């Protein structure tokens, strides 16, 4: 699902929280680190946003040091909140 469509489908407070993290990415670029950003593999990174029992992930990469390309967004239940390890 395209990131914009994913965000449009969320309730306002979740979308606002995610957009605040995207704004941090816009401001800090490749300098953004954990817990907001982490490397997945190679140049692919992810933004991580926790909201209650949900963990939102947005996969992205930095293009030419000054543009973040958002690739994919998803939500999953937090294992710790769901009783996992």
PDB file of N, CA and C in Angstrom:
ATOM      1  N   UNK A   1       0.859  -1.169   0.000  1.00  0.00           N
ATOM      2  CA  UNK A   1       0.000   0.000   0.000  1.00  0.00           C
ATOM      3  C   UNK A   1       0.908   1.235   0.000  1.00  0.00           C
ATOM      4  N   UNK A   2       0.628   2.185  -0.876  1.00  0.00           N
ATOM      5  CA  UNK A   2       1.416   3.427  -0.852  1.00  0.00           C
ATOM      6  C   UNK A   2       1.309   4.110   0.513  1.00  0.00           C
ATOM      7  N   UNK A   3       2.380   4.744   0.926  1.00  0.00           N
ATOM      8  CA  UNK A   3       2.453   5.357   2.250  1.00  0.00           C
ATOM      9  C   UNK A   3       1.348   6.396   2.441  1.00  0.00           C
ATOM     10  N   UNK A   4       1.102   7.218   1.445  1.00  0.00           N
ATOM     11  CA  UNK A   4       0.066   8.250   1.570  1.00  0.00           C
ATOM     12  C   UNK A   4      -1.310   7.632   1.822  1.00  0.00           C
ATOM     13  N   UNK A   5      -1.648   6.571   1.095  1.00  0.00           N
ATOM     14  CA  UNK A   5      -2.936   5.890   1.302  1.00  0.00           C
ATOM     15  C   UNK A   5      -3.005   5.275   2.695  1.00  0.00           C
ATOM     16  N   UNK A   6      -1.909   4.688   3.132  1.00  0.00           N
ATOM     17  CA  UNK A   6      -1.847   4.085   4.455  1.00  0.00           C
ATOM     18  C   UNK A   6      -2.137   5.141   5.524  1.00  0.00           C
ATOM     19  N   UNK A   7      -1.466   6.279   5.426  1.00  0.00           N
ATOM     20  CA  UNK A   7      -1.653   7.352   6.401  1.00  0.00           C
ATOM     21  C   UNK A   7      -3.065   7.918   6.364  1.00  0.00           C
ATOM     22  N   UNK A   8      -3.612   8.067   5.172  1.00  0.00           N
ATOM     23  CA  UNK A   8      -4.970   8.601   5.034  1.00  0.00           C
ATOM     24  C   UNK A   8      -6.008   7.713   5.714  1.00  0.00           C
ATOM     25  N   UNK A   9      -5.735   6.424   5.824  1.00  0.00           N
ATOM     26  CA  UNK A   9      -6.682   5.478   6.408  1.00  0.00           C
ATOM     27  C   UNK A   9      -6.614   5.433   7.941  1.00  0.00           C
ATOM     28  N   UNK A  10      -5.624   6.079   8.533  1.00  0.00           N
ATOM     29  CA  UNK A  10      -5.453   6.037   9.986  1.00  0.00           C
ATOM     30  C   UNK A  10      -6.306   7.084  10.690  1.00  0.00           C
ATOM     31  N   UNK A  11      -6.557   6.823  11.971  1.00  0.00           N
ATOM     32  CA  UNK A  11      -7.230   7.851  12.760  1.00  0.00           C
ATOM     33  C   UNK A  11      -6.255   9.008  12.967  1.00  0.00           C
ATOM     34  N   UNK A  12      -6.795  10.183  13.195  1.00  0.00           N
ATOM     35  CA  UNK A  12      -6.017  11.418  13.204  1.00  0.00           C
ATOM     36  C   UNK A  12      -4.842  11.391  14.168  1.00  0.00           C
ATOM     37  N   UNK A  13      -5.039  10.937  15.392  1.00  0.00           N
ATOM     38  CA  UNK A  13      -3.930  10.990  16.359  1.00  0.00           C
ATOM     39  C   UNK A  13      -2.775  10.074  15.963  1.00  0.00           C
ATOM     40  N   UNK A  14      -3.070   8.956  15.335  1.00  0.00           N
ATOM     41  CA  UNK A  14      -2.004   8.064  14.877  1.00  0.00           C
ATOM     42  C   UNK A  14      -1.269   8.705  13.700  1.00  0.00           C
ATOM     43  N   UNK A  15      -2.029   9.238  12.766  1.00  0.00           N
ATOM     44  CA  UNK A  15      -1.425   9.891  11.610  1.00  0.00           C
ATOM     45  C   UNK A  15      -0.546  11.069  12.057  1.00  0.00           C
ATOM     46  N   UNK A  16      -1.032  11.865  12.997  1.00  0.00           N
ATOM     47  CA  UNK A  16      -0.253  13.013  13.479  1.00  0.00           C
ATOM     48  C   UNK A  16       1.054  12.577  14.123  1.00  0.00           C
ATOM     49  N   UNK A  17       1.013  11.518  14.900  1.00  0.00           N
ATOM     50  CA  UNK A  17       2.231  11.014  15.564  1.00  0.00           C
ATOM     51  C   UNK A  17       3.235  10.510  14.540  1.00  0.00           C
ATOM     52  N   UNK A  18       2.743   9.792  13.527  1.00  0.00           N
ATOM     53  CA  UNK A  18       3.622   9.296  12.470  1.00  0.00           C
ATOM     54  C   UNK A  18       4.219  10.464  11.690  1.00  0.00           C
ATOM     55  N   UNK A  19       3.388  11.446  11.369  1.00  0.00           N
ATOM     56  CA  UNK A  19       3.872  12.599  10.606  1.00  0.00           C
ATOM     57  C   UNK A  19       4.911  13.402  11.397  1.00  0.00           C
ATOM     58  N   UNK A  20       4.802  13.428  12.717  1.00  0.00           N
ATOM     59  CA  UNK A  20       5.817  14.093  13.535  1.00  0.00           C
ATOM     60  C   UNK A  20       7.166  13.385  13.371  1.00  0.00           C
ATOM     61  N   UNK A  21       7.144  12.073  13.279  1.00  0.00           N
ATOM     62  CA  UNK A  21       8.382  11.312  13.081  1.00  0.00           C
ATOM     63  C   UNK A  21       8.917  11.513  11.665  1.00  0.00           C
ATOM     64  N   UNK A  22       8.030  11.574  10.694  1.00  0.00           N
ATOM     65  CA  UNK A  22       8.448  11.860   9.319  1.00  0.00           C
ATOM     66  C   UNK A  22       9.080  13.254   9.261  1.00  0.00           C
ATOM     67  N   UNK A  23       8.540  14.202  10.010  1.00  0.00           N
ATOM     68  CA  UNK A  23       9.117  15.546  10.058  1.00  0.00           C
ATOM     69  C   UNK A  23      10.522  15.513  10.655  1.00  0.00           C
ATOM     70  N   UNK A  24      10.727  14.695  11.684  1.00  0.00           N
ATOM     71  CA  UNK A  24      12.083  14.523  12.234  1.00  0.00           C
ATOM     72  C   UNK A  24      13.037  14.005  11.166  1.00  0.00           C
ATOM     73  N   UNK A  25      12.564  13.058  10.363  1.00  0.00           N
ATOM     74  CA  UNK A  25      13.381  12.531   9.268  1.00  0.00           C
ATOM     75  C   UNK A  25      13.709  13.646   8.277  1.00  0.00           C
ATOM     76  N   UNK A  26      12.718  14.481   7.960  1.00  0.00           N
ATOM     77  CA  UNK A  26      12.953  15.593   7.031  1.00  0.00           C
ATOM     78  C   UNK A  26      13.998  16.555   7.583  1.00  0.00           C
ATOM     79  N   UNK A  27      13.982  16.779   8.880  1.00  0.00           N
ATOM     80  CA  UNK A  27      14.920  17.715   9.508  1.00  0.00           C
ATOM     81  C   UNK A  27      16.315  17.122   9.691  1.00  0.00           C
ATOM     82  N   UNK A  28      16.384  15.852  10.075  1.00  0.00           N
ATOM     83  CA  UNK A  28      17.672  15.255  10.441  1.00  0.00           C
ATOM     84  C   UNK A  28      18.271  14.363   9.358  1.00  0.00           C
ATOM     85  N   UNK A  29      17.451  13.928   8.411  1.00  0.00           N
ATOM     86  CA  UNK A  29      17.944  13.081   7.322  1.00  0.00           C
ATOM     87  C   UNK A  29      18.662  11.852   7.819  1.00  0.00           C
ATOM     88  N   UNK A  30      19.816  11.581   7.215  1.00  0.00           N
ATOM     89  CA  UNK A  30      20.563  10.370   7.572  1.00  0.00           C
ATOM     90  C   UNK A  30      21.143  10.412   8.981  1.00  0.00           C
ATOM     91  N   UNK A  31      21.027  11.534   9.669  1.00  0.00           N
ATOM     92  CA  UNK A  31      21.498  11.635  11.051  1.00  0.00           C
ATOM     93  C   UNK A  31      20.488  11.065  12.056  1.00  0.00           C
ATOM     94  N   UNK A  32      19.250  10.850  11.633  1.00  0.00           N
ATOM     95  CA  UNK A  32      18.216  10.322  12.529  1.00  0.00           C
ATOM     96  C   UNK A  32      18.583   8.900  12.940  1.00  0.00           C
ATOM     97  N   UNK A  33      18.538   8.631  14.232  1.00  0.00           N
ATOM     98  CA  UNK A  33      18.934   7.321  14.772  1.00  0.00           C
ATOM     99  C   UNK A  33      17.821   6.727  15.631  1.00  0.00           C
ATOM    100  N   UNK A  34      18.141   5.579  16.237  1.00  0.00           N
ATOM    101  CA  UNK A  34      17.205   4.895  17.119  1.00  0.00           C
ATOM    102  C   UNK A  34      16.816   5.807  18.265  1.00  0.00           C
ATOM    103  N   UNK A  35      15.612   5.741  18.720  1.00  0.00           N
ATOM    104  CA  UNK A  35      14.592   4.745  18.421  1.00  0.00           C
ATOM    105  C   UNK A  35      13.719   5.094  17.221  1.00  0.00           C
ATOM    106  N   UNK A  36      13.858   6.279  16.640  1.00  0.00           N
ATOM    107  CA  UNK A  36      12.997   6.637  15.518  1.00  0.00           C
ATOM    108  C   UNK A  36      13.383   5.956  14.216  1.00  0.00           C
ATOM    109  N   UNK A  37      14.662   5.695  14.000  1.00  0.00           N
ATOM    110  CA  UNK A  37      15.121   5.134  12.731  1.00  0.00           C
ATOM    111  C   UNK A  37      16.127   4.031  12.983  1.00  0.00           C
ATOM    112  N   UNK A  38      16.086   3.017  12.126  1.00  0.00           N
ATOM    113  CA  UNK A  38      17.032   1.912  12.232  1.00  0.00           C
ATOM    114  C   UNK A  38      17.257   1.349  10.835  1.00  0.00           C
ATOM    115  N   UNK A  39      18.397   0.701  10.631  1.00  0.00           N
ATOM    116  CA  UNK A  39      18.716   0.094   9.342  1.00  0.00           C
ATOM    117  C   UNK A  39      18.058  -1.282   9.246  1.00  0.00           C
ATOM    118  N   UNK A  40      17.434  -1.544   8.099  1.00  0.00           N
ATOM    119  CA  UNK A  40      16.848  -2.864   7.841  1.00  0.00           C
ATOM    120  C   UNK A  40      17.892  -3.719   7.136  1.00  0.00           C
ATOM    121  N   UNK A  41      18.312  -3.286   5.952  1.00  0.00           N
ATOM    122  CA  UNK A  41      19.365  -3.968   5.203  1.00  0.00           C
ATOM    123  C   UNK A  41      19.909  -2.984   4.164  1.00  0.00           C
ATOM    124  N   UNK A  42      21.222  -2.925   4.064  1.00  0.00           N
ATOM    125  CA  UNK A  42      21.845  -2.018   3.098  1.00  0.00           C
ATOM    126  C   UNK A  42      21.352  -0.596   3.285  1.00  0.00           C
ATOM    127  N   UNK A  43      20.900   0.043   2.211  1.00  0.00           N
ATOM    128  CA  UNK A  43      20.438   1.429   2.318  1.00  0.00           C
ATOM    129  C   UNK A  43      19.001   1.566   2.819  1.00  0.00           C
ATOM    130  N   UNK A  44      18.310   0.450   2.974  1.00  0.00           N
ATOM    131  CA  UNK A  44      16.914   0.495   3.413  1.00  0.00           C
ATOM    132  C   UNK A  44      16.852   0.666   4.920  1.00  0.00           C
ATOM    133  N   UNK A  45      16.111   1.672   5.339  1.00  0.00           N
ATOM    134  CA  UNK A  45      15.941   1.974   6.757  1.00  0.00           C
ATOM    135  C   UNK A  45      14.458   1.962   7.089  1.00  0.00           C
ATOM    136  N   UNK A  46      14.147   2.039   8.388  1.00  0.00           N
ATOM    137  CA  UNK A  46      12.753   2.097   8.788  1.00  0.00           C
ATOM    138  C   UNK A  46      12.562   3.125   9.882  1.00  0.00           C
ATOM    139  N   UNK A  47      11.446   3.813   9.781  1.00  0.00           N
ATOM    140  CA  UNK A  47      10.987   4.653  10.878  1.00  0.00           C
ATOM    141  C   UNK A  47      10.132   3.760  11.756  1.00  0.00           C
ATOM    142  N   UNK A  48      10.284   3.868  13.051  1.00  0.00           N
ATOM    143  CA  UNK A  48       9.483   3.078  13.976  1.00  0.00           C
ATOM    144  C   UNK A  48       8.716   3.982  14.916  1.00  0.00           C
ATOM    145  N   UNK A  49       7.423   3.770  14.973  1.00  0.00           N
ATOM    146  CA  UNK A  49       6.558   4.571  15.834  1.00  0.00           C
ATOM    147  C   UNK A  49       5.681   3.618  16.631  1.00  0.00           C
ATOM    148  N   UNK A  50       5.742   3.708  17.957  1.00  0.00           N
ATOM    149  CA  UNK A  50       4.920   2.852  18.809  1.00  0.00           C
ATOM    150  C   UNK A  50       3.751   3.670  19.340  1.00  0.00           C
ATOM    151  N   UNK A  51       2.553   3.108  19.185  1.00  0.00           N
ATOM    152  CA  UNK A  51       1.328   3.733  19.697  1.00  0.00           C
ATOM    153  C   UNK A  51       0.521   2.645  20.395  1.00  0.00           C
ATOM    154  N   UNK A  52       0.611   2.607  21.715  1.00  0.00           N
ATOM    155  CA  UNK A  52      -0.106   1.586  22.464  1.00  0.00           C
ATOM    156  C   UNK A  52       0.365   0.201  22.065  1.00  0.00           C
ATOM    157  N   UNK A  53      -0.559  -0.637  21.614  1.00  0.00           N
ATOM    158  CA  UNK A  53      -0.232  -2.011  21.234  1.00  0.00           C
ATOM    159  C   UNK A  53       0.206  -2.140  19.786  1.00  0.00           C
ATOM    160  N   UNK A  54       0.240  -1.039  19.053  1.00  0.00           N
ATOM    161  CA  UNK A  54       0.643  -1.075  17.649  1.00  0.00           C
ATOM    162  C   UNK A  54       2.039  -0.506  17.462  1.00  0.00           C
ATOM    163  N   UNK A  55       2.735  -1.095  16.503  1.00  0.00           N
ATOM    164  CA  UNK A  55       4.024  -0.562  16.069  1.00  0.00           C
ATOM    165  C   UNK A  55       3.891  -0.260  14.591  1.00  0.00           C
ATOM    166  N   UNK A  56       4.085   0.993  14.241  1.00  0.00           N
ATOM    167  CA  UNK A  56       4.049   1.397  12.843  1.00  0.00           C
ATOM    168  C   UNK A  56       5.466   1.397  12.303  1.00  0.00           C
ATOM    169  N   UNK A  57       5.613   0.948  11.063  1.00  0.00           N
ATOM    170  CA  UNK A  57       6.903   0.912  10.393  1.00  0.00           C
ATOM    171  C   UNK A  57       6.746   1.556   9.022  1.00  0.00           C
ATOM    172  N   UNK A  58       7.669   2.436   8.683  1.00  0.00           N
ATOM    173  CA  UNK A  58       7.723   3.019   7.347  1.00  0.00           C
ATOM    174  C   UNK A  58       9.124   2.767   6.809  1.00  0.00           C
ATOM    175  N   UNK A  59       9.203   2.002   5.726  1.00  0.00           N
ATOM    176  CA  UNK A  59      10.487   1.720   5.099  1.00  0.00           C
ATOM    177  C   UNK A  59      10.852   2.886   4.180  1.00  0.00           C
ATOM    178  N   UNK A  60      12.131   3.253   4.180  1.00  0.00           N
ATOM    179  CA  UNK A  60      12.577   4.377   3.356  1.00  0.00           C
ATOM    180  C   UNK A  60      14.055   4.236   3.028  1.00  0.00           C
ATOM    181  N   UNK A  61      14.508   5.071   2.100  1.00  0.00           N
ATOM    182  CA  UNK A  61      15.940   5.223   1.867  1.00  0.00           C
ATOM    183  C   UNK A  61      16.218   6.693   1.582  1.00  0.00           C
ATOM    184  N   UNK A  62      17.461   7.078   1.783  1.00  0.00           N
ATOM    185  CA  UNK A  62      17.890   8.450   1.542  1.00  0.00           C
ATOM    186  C   UNK A  62      18.493   8.507   0.137  1.00  0.00           C
ATOM    187  N   UNK A  63      17.999   9.443  -0.656  1.00  0.00           N
ATOM    188  CA  UNK A  63      18.475   9.625  -2.024  1.00  0.00           C
ATOM    189  C   UNK A  63      19.361  10.864  -2.078  1.00  0.00           C
ATOM    190  N   UNK A  64      20.587  10.690  -2.500  1.00  0.00           N
ATOM    191  CA  UNK A  64      21.529  11.795  -2.691  1.00  0.00           C
ATOM    192  C   UNK A  64      21.689  12.679  -1.461  1.00  0.00           C
ATOM    193  N   UNK A  65      21.630  12.109  -0.282  1.00  0.00           N
ATOM    194  CA  UNK A  65      21.861  12.792   0.991  1.00  0.00           C
ATOM    195  C   UNK A  65      20.832  13.845   1.374  1.00  0.00           C
ATOM    196  N   UNK A  66      19.840  14.133   0.516  1.00  0.00           N
ATOM    197  CA  UNK A  66      18.921  15.213   0.889  1.00  0.00           C
ATOM    198  C   UNK A  66      17.448  14.925   0.637  1.00  0.00           C
ATOM    199  N   UNK A  67      17.112  13.722   0.238  1.00  0.00           N
ATOM    200  CA  UNK A  67      15.705  13.379   0.026  1.00  0.00           C
ATOM    201  C   UNK A  67      15.432  11.983   0.575  1.00  0.00           C
ATOM    202  N   UNK A  68      14.407  11.876   1.400  1.00  0.00           N
ATOM    203  CA  UNK A  68      13.999  10.564   1.916  1.00  0.00           C
ATOM    204  C   UNK A  68      12.844  10.065   1.062  1.00  0.00           C
ATOM    205  N   UNK A  69      12.980   8.870   0.536  1.00  0.00           N
ATOM    206  CA  UNK A  69      11.941   8.249  -0.282  1.00  0.00           C
ATOM    207  C   UNK A  69      11.231   7.222   0.592  1.00  0.00           C
ATOM    208  N   UNK A  70       9.948   7.475   0.882  1.00  0.00           N
ATOM    209  CA  UNK A  70       9.155   6.550   1.701  1.00  0.00           C
ATOM    210  C   UNK A  70       8.616   5.457   0.791  1.00  0.00           C
ATOM    211  N   UNK A  71       8.937   4.212   1.117  1.00  0.00           N
ATOM    212  CA  UNK A  71       8.627   3.083   0.253  1.00  0.00           C
ATOM    213  C   UNK A  71       7.350   2.336   0.611  1.00  0.00           C
ATOM    214  N   UNK A  72       7.173   2.059   1.887  1.00  0.00           N
ATOM    215  CA  UNK A  72       6.081   1.163   2.301  1.00  0.00           C
ATOM    216  C   UNK A  72       5.778   1.414   3.770  1.00  0.00           C
ATOM    217  N   UNK A  73       4.519   1.271   4.148  1.00  0.00           N
ATOM    218  CA  UNK A  73       4.121   1.450   5.548  1.00  0.00           C
ATOM    219  C   UNK A  73       3.298   0.251   5.998  1.00  0.00           C
ATOM    220  N   UNK A  74       3.428  -0.090   7.270  1.00  0.00           N
ATOM    221  CA  UNK A  74       2.649  -1.188   7.825  1.00  0.00           C
ATOM    222  C   UNK A  74       2.477  -0.988   9.316  1.00  0.00           C
ATOM    223  N   UNK A  75       1.526  -1.704   9.863  1.00  0.00           N
ATOM    224  CA  UNK A  75       1.288  -1.706  11.311  1.00  0.00           C
ATOM    225  C   UNK A  75       1.278  -3.151  11.768  1.00  0.00           C
ATOM    226  N   UNK A  76       1.826  -3.379  12.944  1.00  0.00           N
ATOM    227  CA  UNK A  76       1.759  -4.722  13.514  1.00  0.00           C
ATOM    228  C   UNK A  76       1.616  -4.603  15.019  1.00  0.00           C
ATOM    229  N   UNK A  77       1.066  -5.637  15.615  1.00  0.00           N
ATOM    230  CA  UNK A  77       0.904  -5.636  17.070  1.00  0.00           C
ATOM    231  C   UNK A  77       2.268  -5.788  17.718  1.00  0.00           C
ATOM    232  N   UNK A  78       2.471  -5.056  18.774  1.00  0.00           N
ATOM    233  CA  UNK A  78       3.694  -5.111  19.549  1.00  0.00           C
ATOM    234  C   UNK A  78       3.730  -6.443  20.285  1.00  0.00           C
ATOM    235  N   UNK A  79       4.770  -7.220  20.085  1.00  0.00           N
ATOM    236  CA  UNK A  79       4.863  -8.532  20.766  1.00  0.00           C
ATOM    237  C   UNK A  79       4.863  -8.390  22.269  1.00  0.00           C
ATOM    238  N   UNK A  80       5.534  -7.373  22.785  1.00  0.00           N
ATOM    239  CA  UNK A  80       5.589  -7.194  24.231  1.00  0.00           C
ATOM    240  C   UNK A  80       4.203  -6.869  24.776  1.00  0.00           C
ATOM    241  N   UNK A  81       3.451  -6.031  24.072  1.00  0.00           N
ATOM    242  CA  UNK A  81       2.098  -5.667  24.507  1.00  0.00           C
ATOM    243  C   UNK A  81       1.141  -6.854  24.372  1.00  0.00           C
ATOM    244  N   UNK A  82       1.465  -7.772  23.446  1.00  0.00           N
ATOM    245  CA  UNK A  82       0.609  -8.924  23.216  1.00  0.00           C
ATOM    246  C   UNK A  82       1.024 -10.130  24.071  1.00  0.00           C
ATOM    247  N   UNK A  83       1.987  -9.934  24.978  1.00  0.00           N
ATOM    248  CA  UNK A  83       2.408 -11.008  25.855  1.00  0.00           C
ATOM    249  C   UNK A  83       3.545 -11.820  25.335  1.00  0.00           C
ATOM    250  N   UNK A  84       4.175 -11.428  24.200  1.00  0.00           N
ATOM    251  CA  UNK A  84       5.325 -12.137  23.651  1.00  0.00           C
ATOM    252  C   UNK A  84       6.588 -11.727  24.354  1.00  0.00           C
ATOM    253  N   UNK A  85       7.721 -12.209  23.852  1.00  0.00           N
ATOM    254  CA  UNK A  85       9.011 -11.889  24.458  1.00  0.00           C
ATOM    255  C   UNK A  85       9.662 -10.735  23.786  1.00  0.00           C
TER     256      UNK A  85
END
